[in-house]
């Protein structure tokens, strides 16, 4: 798969601590996107964020459950900043 540039874009990913969410975060980070990551598992989410660190990678995390409207709104708010 060819690398795609996401520089200047913000990508919000829920379920980012493992599996498909983690892989999506890795690929978007490689493309230069600013990431806002959410998951219920704080420890695994922190591990995902740590694995994505680099000079051109901006990652914010927020632990919670997207079924909670306040948490979902907080994720969207962070992505909009």
PDB file of N, CA and C in Angstrom:
ATOM      1  N   UNK A   1       0.843  -1.176   0.000  1.00  0.00           N
ATOM      2  CA  UNK A   1       0.000   0.000   0.000  1.00  0.00           C
ATOM      3  C   UNK A   1       0.887   1.237   0.000  1.00  0.00           C
ATOM      4  N   UNK A   2       0.626   2.151  -0.892  1.00  0.00           N
ATOM      5  CA  UNK A   2       1.407   3.378  -0.984  1.00  0.00           C
ATOM      6  C   UNK A   2       1.110   4.271   0.211  1.00  0.00           C
ATOM      7  N   UNK A   3       2.153   4.982   0.657  1.00  0.00           N
ATOM      8  CA  UNK A   3       1.953   5.929   1.747  1.00  0.00           C
ATOM      9  C   UNK A   3       1.135   7.109   1.249  1.00  0.00           C
ATOM     10  N   UNK A   4       0.195   7.541   2.066  1.00  0.00           N
ATOM     11  CA  UNK A   4      -0.664   8.665   1.743  1.00  0.00           C
ATOM     12  C   UNK A   4      -0.390   9.761   2.759  1.00  0.00           C
ATOM     13  N   UNK A   5      -0.356  11.006   2.308  1.00  0.00           N
ATOM     14  CA  UNK A   5      -0.095  12.116   3.216  1.00  0.00           C
ATOM     15  C   UNK A   5      -1.381  12.598   3.877  1.00  0.00           C
ATOM     16  N   UNK A   6      -1.344  12.673   5.201  1.00  0.00           N
ATOM     17  CA  UNK A   6      -2.454  13.209   5.980  1.00  0.00           C
ATOM     18  C   UNK A   6      -1.994  14.426   6.776  1.00  0.00           C
ATOM     19  N   UNK A   7      -0.884  15.017   6.366  1.00  0.00           N
ATOM     20  CA  UNK A   7      -0.351  16.197   7.042  1.00  0.00           C
ATOM     21  C   UNK A   7      -1.403  17.299   7.087  1.00  0.00           C
ATOM     22  N   UNK A   8      -1.528  17.938   8.247  1.00  0.00           N
ATOM     23  CA  UNK A   8      -2.510  18.999   8.417  1.00  0.00           C
ATOM     24  C   UNK A   8      -3.912  18.506   8.694  1.00  0.00           C
ATOM     25  N   UNK A   9      -4.095  17.217   8.768  1.00  0.00           N
ATOM     26  CA  UNK A   9      -5.415  16.633   9.039  1.00  0.00           C
ATOM     27  C   UNK A   9      -5.466  16.082  10.466  1.00  0.00           C
ATOM     28  N   UNK A  10      -6.670  16.053  10.999  1.00  0.00           N
ATOM     29  CA  UNK A  10      -6.902  15.473  12.322  1.00  0.00           C
ATOM     30  C   UNK A  10      -7.725  14.205  12.122  1.00  0.00           C
ATOM     31  N   UNK A  11      -7.284  13.129  12.760  1.00  0.00           N
ATOM     32  CA  UNK A  11      -7.988  11.853  12.667  1.00  0.00           C
ATOM     33  C   UNK A  11      -8.383  11.413  14.068  1.00  0.00           C
ATOM     34  N   UNK A  12      -9.663  11.158  14.272  1.00  0.00           N
ATOM     35  CA  UNK A  12     -10.198  10.685  15.548  1.00  0.00           C
ATOM     36  C   UNK A  12     -10.467   9.191  15.399  1.00  0.00           C
ATOM     37  N   UNK A  13      -9.879   8.394  16.286  1.00  0.00           N
ATOM     38  CA  UNK A  13     -10.050   6.942  16.226  1.00  0.00           C
ATOM     39  C   UNK A  13     -10.509   6.441  17.587  1.00  0.00           C
ATOM     40  N   UNK A  14     -11.628   5.749  17.608  1.00  0.00           N
ATOM     41  CA  UNK A  14     -12.086   5.099  18.840  1.00  0.00           C
ATOM     42  C   UNK A  14     -11.687   3.628  18.770  1.00  0.00           C
ATOM     43  N   UNK A  15     -11.585   2.995  19.924  1.00  0.00           N
ATOM     44  CA  UNK A  15     -11.126   1.608  19.949  1.00  0.00           C
ATOM     45  C   UNK A  15      -9.678   1.515  19.498  1.00  0.00           C
ATOM     46  N   UNK A  16      -8.893   2.551  19.834  1.00  0.00           N
ATOM     47  CA  UNK A  16      -7.533   2.683  19.315  1.00  0.00           C
ATOM     48  C   UNK A  16      -6.486   1.887  20.084  1.00  0.00           C
ATOM     49  N   UNK A  17      -6.852   1.243  21.180  1.00  0.00           N
ATOM     50  CA  UNK A  17      -5.867   0.577  22.021  1.00  0.00           C
ATOM     51  C   UNK A  17      -5.326  -0.716  21.427  1.00  0.00           C
ATOM     52  N   UNK A  18      -6.059  -1.326  20.542  1.00  0.00           N
ATOM     53  CA  UNK A  18      -5.598  -2.613  19.997  1.00  0.00           C
ATOM     54  C   UNK A  18      -6.309  -2.906  18.682  1.00  0.00           C
ATOM     55  N   UNK A  19      -5.879  -3.937  18.039  1.00  0.00           N
ATOM     56  CA  UNK A  19      -6.534  -4.428  16.825  1.00  0.00           C
ATOM     57  C   UNK A  19      -6.566  -3.433  15.680  1.00  0.00           C
ATOM     58  N   UNK A  20      -7.711  -3.385  15.033  1.00  0.00           N
ATOM     59  CA  UNK A  20      -7.880  -2.525  13.861  1.00  0.00           C
ATOM     60  C   UNK A  20      -7.675  -1.053  14.219  1.00  0.00           C
ATOM     61  N   UNK A  21      -8.176  -0.627  15.367  1.00  0.00           N
ATOM     62  CA  UNK A  21      -8.000   0.764  15.775  1.00  0.00           C
ATOM     63  C   UNK A  21      -6.539   1.140  15.932  1.00  0.00           C
ATOM     64  N   UNK A  22      -5.764   0.262  16.545  1.00  0.00           N
ATOM     65  CA  UNK A  22      -4.328   0.532  16.721  1.00  0.00           C
ATOM     66  C   UNK A  22      -3.617   0.572  15.380  1.00  0.00           C
ATOM     67  N   UNK A  23      -3.932  -0.335  14.501  1.00  0.00           N
ATOM     68  CA  UNK A  23      -3.303  -0.354  13.174  1.00  0.00           C
ATOM     69  C   UNK A  23      -3.691   0.883  12.372  1.00  0.00           C
ATOM     70  N   UNK A  24      -4.938   1.303  12.471  1.00  0.00           N
ATOM     71  CA  UNK A  24      -5.367   2.522  11.777  1.00  0.00           C
ATOM     72  C   UNK A  24      -4.584   3.722  12.313  1.00  0.00           C
ATOM     73  N   UNK A  25      -4.419   3.793  13.624  1.00  0.00           N
ATOM     74  CA  UNK A  25      -3.651   4.889  14.224  1.00  0.00           C
ATOM     75  C   UNK A  25      -2.221   4.875  13.710  1.00  0.00           C
ATOM     76  N   UNK A  26      -1.628   3.711  13.633  1.00  0.00           N
ATOM     77  CA  UNK A  26      -0.248   3.593  13.147  1.00  0.00           C
ATOM     78  C   UNK A  26      -0.131   4.108  11.712  1.00  0.00           C
ATOM     79  N   UNK A  27      -1.073   3.727  10.876  1.00  0.00           N
ATOM     80  CA  UNK A  27      -1.015   4.150   9.472  1.00  0.00           C
ATOM     81  C   UNK A  27      -1.267   5.644   9.301  1.00  0.00           C
ATOM     82  N   UNK A  28      -2.235   6.178  10.026  1.00  0.00           N
ATOM     83  CA  UNK A  28      -2.484   7.617   9.939  1.00  0.00           C
ATOM     84  C   UNK A  28      -1.299   8.413  10.494  1.00  0.00           C
ATOM     85  N   UNK A  29      -0.676   7.915  11.564  1.00  0.00           N
ATOM     86  CA  UNK A  29       0.502   8.591  12.121  1.00  0.00           C
ATOM     87  C   UNK A  29       1.628   8.604  11.097  1.00  0.00           C
ATOM     88  N   UNK A  30       1.822   7.491  10.438  1.00  0.00           N
ATOM     89  CA  UNK A  30       2.861   7.400   9.402  1.00  0.00           C
ATOM     90  C   UNK A  30       2.596   8.415   8.293  1.00  0.00           C
ATOM     91  N   UNK A  31       1.327   8.724   8.046  1.00  0.00           N
ATOM     92  CA  UNK A  31       0.963   9.693   7.019  1.00  0.00           C
ATOM     93  C   UNK A  31       1.005  11.135   7.497  1.00  0.00           C
ATOM     94  N   UNK A  32       1.335  11.363   8.782  1.00  0.00           N
ATOM     95  CA  UNK A  32       1.497  12.714   9.293  1.00  0.00           C
ATOM     96  C   UNK A  32       0.268  13.351   9.906  1.00  0.00           C
ATOM     97  N   UNK A  33      -0.784  12.581  10.159  1.00  0.00           N
ATOM     98  CA  UNK A  33      -2.004  13.135  10.758  1.00  0.00           C
ATOM     99  C   UNK A  33      -1.797  13.432  12.237  1.00  0.00           C
ATOM    100  N   UNK A  34      -2.531  14.421  12.744  1.00  0.00           N
ATOM    101  CA  UNK A  34      -2.623  14.625  14.192  1.00  0.00           C
ATOM    102  C   UNK A  34      -3.708  13.684  14.674  1.00  0.00           C
ATOM    103  N   UNK A  35      -3.412  12.890  15.689  1.00  0.00           N
ATOM    104  CA  UNK A  35      -4.327  11.849  16.141  1.00  0.00           C
ATOM    105  C   UNK A  35      -4.993  12.191  17.462  1.00  0.00           C
ATOM    106  N   UNK A  36      -6.273  11.912  17.542  1.00  0.00           N
ATOM    107  CA  UNK A  36      -7.032  11.940  18.783  1.00  0.00           C
ATOM    108  C   UNK A  36      -7.544  10.517  18.956  1.00  0.00           C
ATOM    109  N   UNK A  37      -7.043   9.838  19.980  1.00  0.00           N
ATOM    110  CA  UNK A  37      -7.342   8.424  20.181  1.00  0.00           C
ATOM    111  C   UNK A  37      -8.178   8.206  21.432  1.00  0.00           C
ATOM    112  N   UNK A  38      -9.162   7.359  21.327  1.00  0.00           N
ATOM    113  CA  UNK A  38     -10.003   7.023  22.463  1.00  0.00           C
ATOM    114  C   UNK A  38     -10.116   5.523  22.643  1.00  0.00           C
ATOM    115  N   UNK A  39     -10.266   5.112  23.906  1.00  0.00           N
ATOM    116  CA  UNK A  39     -10.491   3.708  24.233  1.00  0.00           C
ATOM    117  C   UNK A  39     -10.873   3.629  25.699  1.00  0.00           C
ATOM    118  N   UNK A  40     -11.475   2.512  26.097  1.00  0.00           N
ATOM    119  CA  UNK A  40     -11.839   2.300  27.501  1.00  0.00           C
ATOM    120  C   UNK A  40     -10.660   1.837  28.343  1.00  0.00           C
ATOM    121  N   UNK A  41      -9.661   1.233  27.706  1.00  0.00           N
ATOM    122  CA  UNK A  41      -8.512   0.658  28.418  1.00  0.00           C
ATOM    123  C   UNK A  41      -7.362   1.670  28.443  1.00  0.00           C
ATOM    124  N   UNK A  42      -7.207   2.363  29.569  1.00  0.00           N
ATOM    125  CA  UNK A  42      -6.210   3.430  29.689  1.00  0.00           C
ATOM    126  C   UNK A  42      -4.787   2.917  29.470  1.00  0.00           C
ATOM    127  N   UNK A  43      -4.471   1.758  30.030  1.00  0.00           N
ATOM    128  CA  UNK A  43      -3.115   1.221  29.898  1.00  0.00           C
ATOM    129  C   UNK A  43      -2.763   0.877  28.465  1.00  0.00           C
ATOM    130  N   UNK A  44      -3.650   0.177  27.795  1.00  0.00           N
ATOM    131  CA  UNK A  44      -3.399  -0.207  26.402  1.00  0.00           C
ATOM    132  C   UNK A  44      -3.396   1.015  25.493  1.00  0.00           C
ATOM    133  N   UNK A  45      -4.233   2.010  25.810  1.00  0.00           N
ATOM    134  CA  UNK A  45      -4.260   3.234  25.022  1.00  0.00           C
ATOM    135  C   UNK A  45      -2.939   3.984  25.163  1.00  0.00           C
ATOM    136  N   UNK A  46      -2.404   4.028  26.363  1.00  0.00           N
ATOM    137  CA  UNK A  46      -1.106   4.672  26.587  1.00  0.00           C
ATOM    138  C   UNK A  46      -0.002   3.943  25.825  1.00  0.00           C
ATOM    139  N   UNK A  47      -0.065   2.617  25.790  1.00  0.00           N
ATOM    140  CA  UNK A  47       0.925   1.839  25.036  1.00  0.00           C
ATOM    141  C   UNK A  47       0.847   2.155  23.542  1.00  0.00           C
ATOM    142  N   UNK A  48      -0.366   2.268  23.028  1.00  0.00           N
ATOM    143  CA  UNK A  48      -0.544   2.611  21.614  1.00  0.00           C
ATOM    144  C   UNK A  48       0.055   3.979  21.336  1.00  0.00           C
ATOM    145  N   UNK A  49      -0.268   4.960  22.164  1.00  0.00           N
ATOM    146  CA  UNK A  49       0.248   6.315  21.965  1.00  0.00           C
ATOM    147  C   UNK A  49       1.770   6.328  22.026  1.00  0.00           C
ATOM    148  N   UNK A  50       2.348   5.605  22.975  1.00  0.00           N
ATOM    149  CA  UNK A  50       3.804   5.557  23.117  1.00  0.00           C
ATOM    150  C   UNK A  50       4.460   4.928  21.889  1.00  0.00           C
ATOM    151  N   UNK A  51       3.807   3.943  21.312  1.00  0.00           N
ATOM    152  CA  UNK A  51       4.356   3.277  20.129  1.00  0.00           C
ATOM    153  C   UNK A  51       4.326   4.182  18.901  1.00  0.00           C
ATOM    154  N   UNK A  52       3.519   5.229  18.934  1.00  0.00           N
ATOM    155  CA  UNK A  52       3.368   6.114  17.781  1.00  0.00           C
ATOM    156  C   UNK A  52       4.227   7.360  17.870  1.00  0.00           C
ATOM    157  N   UNK A  53       4.944   7.533  18.952  1.00  0.00           N
ATOM    158  CA  UNK A  53       5.693   8.764  19.134  1.00  0.00           C
ATOM    159  C   UNK A  53       6.811   8.884  18.117  1.00  0.00           C
ATOM    160  N   UNK A  54       7.061  10.105  17.731  1.00  0.00           N
ATOM    161  CA  UNK A  54       8.112  10.420  16.784  1.00  0.00           C
ATOM    162  C   UNK A  54       8.161  11.922  16.599  1.00  0.00           C
ATOM    163  N   UNK A  55       9.133  12.412  15.873  1.00  0.00           N
ATOM    164  CA  UNK A  55       9.294  13.855  15.736  1.00  0.00           C
ATOM    165  C   UNK A  55       8.123  14.556  15.050  1.00  0.00           C
ATOM    166  N   UNK A  56       7.450  13.868  14.173  1.00  0.00           N
ATOM    167  CA  UNK A  56       6.353  14.496  13.425  1.00  0.00           C
ATOM    168  C   UNK A  56       4.989  13.939  13.803  1.00  0.00           C
ATOM    169  N   UNK A  57       4.898  13.256  14.950  1.00  0.00           N
ATOM    170  CA  UNK A  57       3.649  12.616  15.347  1.00  0.00           C
ATOM    171  C   UNK A  57       3.050  13.352  16.545  1.00  0.00           C
ATOM    172  N   UNK A  58       1.803  13.795  16.394  1.00  0.00           N
ATOM    173  CA  UNK A  58       1.075  14.440  17.492  1.00  0.00           C
ATOM    174  C   UNK A  58      -0.085  13.531  17.878  1.00  0.00           C
ATOM    175  N   UNK A  59      -0.078  13.074  19.126  1.00  0.00           N
ATOM    176  CA  UNK A  59      -1.099  12.135  19.595  1.00  0.00           C
ATOM    177  C   UNK A  59      -1.697  12.646  20.894  1.00  0.00           C
ATOM    178  N   UNK A  60      -3.021  12.694  20.950  1.00  0.00           N
ATOM    179  CA  UNK A  60      -3.746  12.988  22.187  1.00  0.00           C
ATOM    180  C   UNK A  60      -4.616  11.782  22.482  1.00  0.00           C
ATOM    181  N   UNK A  61      -4.776  11.462  23.756  1.00  0.00           N
ATOM    182  CA  UNK A  61      -5.612  10.330  24.136  1.00  0.00           C
ATOM    183  C   UNK A  61      -6.673  10.771  25.130  1.00  0.00           C
ATOM    184  N   UNK A  62      -7.762  10.049  25.111  1.00  0.00           N
ATOM    185  CA  UNK A  62      -8.846  10.293  26.055  1.00  0.00           C
ATOM    186  C   UNK A  62      -9.482   8.945  26.377  1.00  0.00           C
ATOM    187  N   UNK A  63      -9.412   8.567  27.643  1.00  0.00           N
ATOM    188  CA  UNK A  63      -9.963   7.289  28.078  1.00  0.00           C
ATOM    189  C   UNK A  63     -11.433   7.444  28.416  1.00  0.00           C
ATOM    190  N   UNK A  64     -12.243   6.524  27.923  1.00  0.00           N
ATOM    191  CA  UNK A  64     -13.665   6.527  28.215  1.00  0.00           C
ATOM    192  C   UNK A  64     -14.406   5.639  27.239  1.00  0.00           C
ATOM    193  N   UNK A  65     -15.702   5.651  27.354  1.00  0.00           N
ATOM    194  CA  UNK A  65     -16.578   4.805  26.552  1.00  0.00           C
ATOM    195  C   UNK A  65     -17.417   5.687  25.623  1.00  0.00           C
ATOM    196  N   UNK A  66     -17.329   5.459  24.322  1.00  0.00           N
ATOM    197  CA  UNK A  66     -18.059   6.298  23.367  1.00  0.00           C
ATOM    198  C   UNK A  66     -19.573   6.149  23.498  1.00  0.00           C
ATOM    199  N   UNK A  67     -20.033   5.152  24.256  1.00  0.00           N
ATOM    200  CA  UNK A  67     -21.479   5.059  24.504  1.00  0.00           C
ATOM    201  C   UNK A  67     -21.947   6.147  25.459  1.00  0.00           C
ATOM    202  N   UNK A  68     -20.997   6.775  26.141  1.00  0.00           N
ATOM    203  CA  UNK A  68     -21.294   7.897  27.028  1.00  0.00           C
ATOM    204  C   UNK A  68     -21.266   9.172  26.186  1.00  0.00           C
ATOM    205  N   UNK A  69     -22.395   9.843  26.024  1.00  0.00           N
ATOM    206  CA  UNK A  69     -22.437  11.035  25.172  1.00  0.00           C
ATOM    207  C   UNK A  69     -21.423  12.112  25.563  1.00  0.00           C
ATOM    208  N   UNK A  70     -21.139  12.257  26.848  1.00  0.00           N
ATOM    209  CA  UNK A  70     -20.168  13.261  27.278  1.00  0.00           C
ATOM    210  C   UNK A  70     -18.763  12.910  26.791  1.00  0.00           C
ATOM    211  N   UNK A  71     -18.423  11.627  26.826  1.00  0.00           N
ATOM    212  CA  UNK A  71     -17.105  11.201  26.343  1.00  0.00           C
ATOM    213  C   UNK A  71     -17.010  11.393  24.830  1.00  0.00           C
ATOM    214  N   UNK A  72     -18.043  11.004  24.114  1.00  0.00           N
ATOM    215  CA  UNK A  72     -18.040  11.183  22.656  1.00  0.00           C
ATOM    216  C   UNK A  72     -17.889  12.659  22.302  1.00  0.00           C
ATOM    217  N   UNK A  73     -18.587  13.511  23.007  1.00  0.00           N
ATOM    218  CA  UNK A  73     -18.494  14.950  22.755  1.00  0.00           C
ATOM    219  C   UNK A  73     -17.090  15.469  23.066  1.00  0.00           C
ATOM    220  N   UNK A  74     -16.477  14.959  24.121  1.00  0.00           N
ATOM    221  CA  UNK A  74     -15.128  15.387  24.483  1.00  0.00           C
ATOM    222  C   UNK A  74     -14.113  14.989  23.410  1.00  0.00           C
ATOM    223  N   UNK A  75     -14.278  13.818  22.837  1.00  0.00           N
ATOM    224  CA  UNK A  75     -13.387  13.393  21.748  1.00  0.00           C
ATOM    225  C   UNK A  75     -13.517  14.331  20.561  1.00  0.00           C
ATOM    226  N   UNK A  76     -14.734  14.625  20.183  1.00  0.00           N
ATOM    227  CA  UNK A  76     -14.968  15.506  19.039  1.00  0.00           C
ATOM    228  C   UNK A  76     -14.418  16.904  19.327  1.00  0.00           C
ATOM    229  N   UNK A  77     -14.609  17.374  20.555  1.00  0.00           N
ATOM    230  CA  UNK A  77     -14.097  18.691  20.932  1.00  0.00           C
ATOM    231  C   UNK A  77     -12.584  18.741  20.808  1.00  0.00           C
ATOM    232  N   UNK A  78     -11.907  17.697  21.300  1.00  0.00           N
ATOM    233  CA  UNK A  78     -10.441  17.649  21.204  1.00  0.00           C
ATOM    234  C   UNK A  78      -9.988  17.620  19.753  1.00  0.00           C
ATOM    235  N   UNK A  79     -10.704  16.900  18.929  1.00  0.00           N
ATOM    236  CA  UNK A  79     -10.323  16.824  17.517  1.00  0.00           C
ATOM    237  C   UNK A  79     -10.487  18.180  16.827  1.00  0.00           C
ATOM    238  N   UNK A  80     -11.418  18.985  17.319  1.00  0.00           N
ATOM    239  CA  UNK A  80     -11.668  20.280  16.721  1.00  0.00           C
ATOM    240  C   UNK A  80     -10.715  21.366  17.153  1.00  0.00           C
ATOM    241  N   UNK A  81      -9.859  21.081  18.115  1.00  0.00           N
ATOM    242  CA  UNK A  81      -8.941  22.110  18.619  1.00  0.00           C
ATOM    243  C   UNK A  81      -7.728  22.249  17.734  1.00  0.00           C
TER     244      UNK A  81
END
